Amino acid sequence: MEKHCISCNKEVTNDFIKFKCPSCGKDMNRCIDCRETSTPYKCACGFEGP
């Protein structure tokens, strides 16, 4: 199963962070680049984060 960054939709392999949405608990992945630059993301539940 492919994993993609929630912010940029880039396929991630090794350099990514897996975390749960603070609102609904859904698992999300974020690449290191988007995390370091605080690129916004939006969960399917509507929660938005930096």
PDB file of N, CA and C in Angstrom:
ATOM      1  N   MET A   1       0.845  -1.189   0.000  1.00  0.00           N
ATOM      2  CA  MET A   1       0.000   0.000   0.000  1.00  0.00           C
ATOM      3  C   MET A   1       0.883   1.244   0.000  1.00  0.00           C
ATOM      4  N   GLU A   2       0.626   2.139  -0.945  1.00  0.00           N
ATOM      5  CA  GLU A   2       1.408   3.360  -1.033  1.00  0.00           C
ATOM      6  C   GLU A   2       0.974   4.348   0.046  1.00  0.00           C
ATOM      7  N   LYS A   3       1.947   5.095   0.530  1.00  0.00           N
ATOM      8  CA  LYS A   3       1.673   6.128   1.527  1.00  0.00           C
ATOM      9  C   LYS A   3       1.972   7.472   0.883  1.00  0.00           C
ATOM     10  N   HIS A   4       1.112   8.458   1.137  1.00  0.00           N
ATOM     11  CA  HIS A   4       1.283   9.782   0.567  1.00  0.00           C
ATOM     12  C   HIS A   4       1.217  10.845   1.655  1.00  0.00           C
ATOM     13  N   CYS A   5       1.925  11.940   1.411  1.00  0.00           N
ATOM     14  CA  CYS A   5       1.928  13.087   2.320  1.00  0.00           C
ATOM     15  C   CYS A   5       0.566  13.768   2.261  1.00  0.00           C
ATOM     16  N   ILE A   6      -0.008  14.069   3.412  1.00  0.00           N
ATOM     17  CA  ILE A   6      -1.314  14.727   3.499  1.00  0.00           C
ATOM     18  C   ILE A   6      -1.240  16.161   2.961  1.00  0.00           C
ATOM     19  N   SER A   7      -0.060  16.777   2.960  1.00  0.00           N
ATOM     20  CA  SER A   7       0.081  18.165   2.501  1.00  0.00           C
ATOM     21  C   SER A   7       0.338  18.271   1.001  1.00  0.00           C
ATOM     22  N   CYS A   8       1.321  17.535   0.482  1.00  0.00           N
ATOM     23  CA  CYS A   8       1.730  17.691  -0.917  1.00  0.00           C
ATOM     24  C   CYS A   8       1.356  16.501  -1.792  1.00  0.00           C
ATOM     25  N   ASN A   9       0.850  15.439  -1.191  1.00  0.00           N
ATOM     26  CA  ASN A   9       0.425  14.221  -1.884  1.00  0.00           C
ATOM     27  C   ASN A   9       1.591  13.441  -2.506  1.00  0.00           C
ATOM     28  N   LYS A  10       2.834  13.787  -2.140  1.00  0.00           N
ATOM     29  CA  LYS A  10       4.001  13.060  -2.633  1.00  0.00           C
ATOM     30  C   LYS A  10       4.048  11.688  -1.972  1.00  0.00           C
ATOM     31  N   GLU A  11       4.420  10.662  -2.748  1.00  0.00           N
ATOM     32  CA  GLU A  11       4.583   9.333  -2.165  1.00  0.00           C
ATOM     33  C   GLU A  11       5.735   9.374  -1.176  1.00  0.00           C
ATOM     34  N   VAL A  12       5.525   8.815   0.003  1.00  0.00           N
ATOM     35  CA  VAL A  12       6.561   8.810   1.030  1.00  0.00           C
ATOM     36  C   VAL A  12       7.018   7.377   1.289  1.00  0.00           C
ATOM     37  N   THR A  13       8.303   7.215   1.575  1.00  0.00           N
ATOM     38  CA  THR A  13       8.853   5.890   1.845  1.00  0.00           C
ATOM     39  C   THR A  13       9.532   5.852   3.209  1.00  0.00           C
ATOM     40  N   ASN A  14      10.648   6.541   3.348  1.00  0.00           N
ATOM     41  CA  ASN A  14      11.405   6.497   4.605  1.00  0.00           C
ATOM     42  C   ASN A  14      11.310   7.774   5.427  1.00  0.00           C
ATOM     43  N   ASP A  15      11.397   8.921   4.763  1.00  0.00           N
ATOM     44  CA  ASP A  15      11.448  10.200   5.479  1.00  0.00           C
ATOM     45  C   ASP A  15      10.059  10.813   5.615  1.00  0.00           C
ATOM     46  N   PHE A  16       9.279  10.309   6.590  1.00  0.00           N
ATOM     47  CA  PHE A  16       7.961  10.865   6.830  1.00  0.00           C
ATOM     48  C   PHE A  16       7.567  10.647   8.286  1.00  0.00           C
ATOM     49  N   ILE A  17       6.565  11.394   8.700  1.00  0.00           N
ATOM     50  CA  ILE A  17       6.021  11.298  10.051  1.00  0.00           C
ATOM     51  C   ILE A  17       4.605  10.745   9.936  1.00  0.00           C
ATOM     52  N   LYS A  18       4.274   9.752  10.750  1.00  0.00           N
ATOM     53  CA  LYS A  18       2.914   9.229  10.810  1.00  0.00           C
ATOM     54  C   LYS A  18       2.304   9.747  12.104  1.00  0.00           C
ATOM     55  N   PHE A  19       1.096  10.327  12.000  1.00  0.00           N
ATOM     56  CA  PHE A  19       0.438  10.849  13.186  1.00  0.00           C
ATOM     57  C   PHE A  19      -1.073  10.721  13.035  1.00  0.00           C
ATOM     58  N   LYS A  20      -1.780  10.927  14.124  1.00  0.00           N
ATOM     59  CA  LYS A  20      -3.243  10.846  14.118  1.00  0.00           C
ATOM     60  C   LYS A  20      -3.832  12.248  14.110  1.00  0.00           C
ATOM     61  N   CYS A  21      -4.918  12.406  13.379  1.00  0.00           N
ATOM     62  CA  CYS A  21      -5.633  13.681  13.364  1.00  0.00           C
ATOM     63  C   CYS A  21      -6.074  13.999  14.797  1.00  0.00           C
ATOM     64  N   PRO A  22      -5.800  15.205  15.277  1.00  0.00           N
ATOM     65  CA  PRO A  22      -6.205  15.573  16.636  1.00  0.00           C
ATOM     66  C   PRO A  22      -7.723  15.587  16.830  1.00  0.00           C
ATOM     67  N   SER A  23      -8.458  15.692  15.746  1.00  0.00           N
ATOM     68  CA  SER A  23      -9.912  15.778  15.844  1.00  0.00           C
ATOM     69  C   SER A  23     -10.596  14.410  15.761  1.00  0.00           C
ATOM     70  N   CYS A  24     -10.254  13.608  14.722  1.00  0.00           N
ATOM     71  CA  CYS A  24     -10.974  12.348  14.513  1.00  0.00           C
ATOM     72  C   CYS A  24     -10.136  11.091  14.755  1.00  0.00           C
ATOM     73  N   GLY A  25      -8.809  11.251  14.858  1.00  0.00           N
ATOM     74  CA  GLY A  25      -7.944  10.108  15.127  1.00  0.00           C
ATOM     75  C   GLY A  25      -7.490   9.336  13.908  1.00  0.00           C
ATOM     76  N   LYS A  26      -7.844   9.793  12.695  1.00  0.00           N
ATOM     77  CA  LYS A  26      -7.430   9.131  11.462  1.00  0.00           C
ATOM     78  C   LYS A  26      -5.909   9.205  11.315  1.00  0.00           C
ATOM     79  N   ASP A  27      -5.281   8.096  10.864  1.00  0.00           N
ATOM     80  CA  ASP A  27      -3.842   8.091  10.608  1.00  0.00           C
ATOM     81  C   ASP A  27      -3.528   8.947   9.384  1.00  0.00           C
ATOM     82  N   MET A  28      -2.496   9.779   9.503  1.00  0.00           N
ATOM     83  CA  MET A  28      -2.051  10.620   8.400  1.00  0.00           C
ATOM     84  C   MET A  28      -0.533  10.537   8.310  1.00  0.00           C
ATOM     85  N   ASN A  29      -0.012  10.778   7.113  1.00  0.00           N
ATOM     86  CA  ASN A  29       1.424  10.803   6.872  1.00  0.00           C
ATOM     87  C   ASN A  29       1.803  12.184   6.372  1.00  0.00           C
ATOM     88  N   ARG A  30       2.993  12.617   6.761  1.00  0.00           N
ATOM     89  CA  ARG A  30       3.490  13.915   6.329  1.00  0.00           C
ATOM     90  C   ARG A  30       4.970  13.810   6.020  1.00  0.00           C
ATOM     91  N   CYS A  31       5.383  14.284   4.824  1.00  0.00           N
ATOM     92  CA  CYS A  31       6.801  14.204   4.461  1.00  0.00           C
ATOM     93  C   CYS A  31       7.599  15.192   5.317  1.00  0.00           C
ATOM     94  N   ILE A  32       8.877  14.926   5.435  1.00  0.00           N
ATOM     95  CA  ILE A  32       9.757  15.765   6.252  1.00  0.00           C
ATOM     96  C   ILE A  32       9.777  17.200   5.725  1.00  0.00           C
ATOM     97  N   ASP A  33       9.786  17.377   4.394  1.00  0.00           N
ATOM     98  CA  ASP A  33       9.829  18.725   3.813  1.00  0.00           C
ATOM     99  C   ASP A  33       8.621  19.552   4.249  1.00  0.00           C
ATOM    100  N   CYS A  34       7.421  18.985   4.149  1.00  0.00           N
ATOM    101  CA  CYS A  34       6.217  19.720   4.524  1.00  0.00           C
ATOM    102  C   CYS A  34       6.170  19.977   6.030  1.00  0.00           C
ATOM    103  N   ARG A  35       6.657  19.042   6.798  1.00  0.00           N
ATOM    104  CA  ARG A  35       6.675  19.241   8.246  1.00  0.00           C
ATOM    105  C   ARG A  35       7.630  20.376   8.628  1.00  0.00           C
ATOM    106  N   GLU A  36       8.816  20.394   8.031  1.00  0.00           N
ATOM    107  CA  GLU A  36       9.814  21.414   8.360  1.00  0.00           C
ATOM    108  C   GLU A  36       9.391  22.806   7.896  1.00  0.00           C
ATOM    109  N   THR A  37       8.629  22.888   6.812  1.00  0.00           N
ATOM    110  CA  THR A  37       8.206  24.192   6.300  1.00  0.00           C
ATOM    111  C   THR A  37       6.803  24.568   6.772  1.00  0.00           C
ATOM    112  N   SER A  38       6.205  23.736   7.632  1.00  0.00           N
ATOM    113  CA  SER A  38       4.863  23.975   8.189  1.00  0.00           C
ATOM    114  C   SER A  38       3.803  24.176   7.107  1.00  0.00           C
ATOM    115  N   THR A  39       3.889  23.347   6.063  1.00  0.00           N
ATOM    116  CA  THR A  39       2.902  23.392   4.992  1.00  0.00           C
ATOM    117  C   THR A  39       1.548  22.947   5.551  1.00  0.00           C
ATOM    118  N   PRO A  40       0.498  23.708   5.285  1.00  0.00           N
ATOM    119  CA  PRO A  40      -0.825  23.350   5.820  1.00  0.00           C
ATOM    120  C   PRO A  40      -1.317  21.987   5.313  1.00  0.00           C
ATOM    121  N   TYR A  41      -2.162  21.358   6.104  1.00  0.00           N
ATOM    122  CA  TYR A  41      -2.800  20.108   5.703  1.00  0.00           C
ATOM    123  C   TYR A  41      -4.244  20.138   6.157  1.00  0.00           C
ATOM    124  N   LYS A  42      -5.073  19.307   5.536  1.00  0.00           N
ATOM    125  CA  LYS A  42      -6.478  19.237   5.904  1.00  0.00           C
ATOM    126  C   LYS A  42      -6.912  17.785   5.905  1.00  0.00           C
ATOM    127  N   CYS A  43      -7.466  17.359   7.035  1.00  0.00           N
ATOM    128  CA  CYS A  43      -7.978  15.992   7.182  1.00  0.00           C
ATOM    129  C   CYS A  43      -9.347  15.921   6.509  1.00  0.00           C
ATOM    130  N   ALA A  44      -9.760  14.720   6.161  1.00  0.00           N
ATOM    131  CA  ALA A  44     -11.076  14.501   5.569  1.00  0.00           C
ATOM    132  C   ALA A  44     -12.201  14.960   6.489  1.00  0.00           C
ATOM    133  N   CYS A  45     -11.970  14.979   7.806  1.00  0.00           N
ATOM    134  CA  CYS A  45     -12.990  15.406   8.766  1.00  0.00           C
ATOM    135  C   CYS A  45     -13.149  16.924   8.806  1.00  0.00           C
ATOM    136  N   GLY A  46     -12.218  17.640   8.148  1.00  0.00           N
ATOM    137  CA  GLY A  46     -12.281  19.096   8.117  1.00  0.00           C
ATOM    138  C   GLY A  46     -11.245  19.794   8.979  1.00  0.00           C
ATOM    139  N   PHE A  47     -10.560  19.039   9.848  1.00  0.00           N
ATOM    140  CA  PHE A  47      -9.527  19.643  10.688  1.00  0.00           C
ATOM    141  C   PHE A  47      -8.375  20.143   9.818  1.00  0.00           C
ATOM    142  N   GLU A  48      -7.906  21.362  10.082  1.00  0.00           N
ATOM    143  CA  GLU A  48      -6.773  21.927   9.357  1.00  0.00           C
ATOM    144  C   GLU A  48      -5.641  22.197  10.325  1.00  0.00           C
ATOM    145  N   GLY A  49      -4.437  21.892   9.886  1.00  0.00           N
ATOM    146  CA  GLY A  49      -3.270  22.097  10.738  1.00  0.00           C
ATOM    147  C   GLY A  49      -2.123  22.747   9.991  1.00  0.00           C
ATOM    148  N   PRO A  50      -1.164  23.223  10.733  1.00  0.00           N
ATOM    149  CA  PRO A  50       0.011  23.869  10.144  1.00  0.00           C
ATOM    150  C   PRO A  50       1.010  22.868   9.584  1.00  0.00           C
TER     151      PRO A  50
END
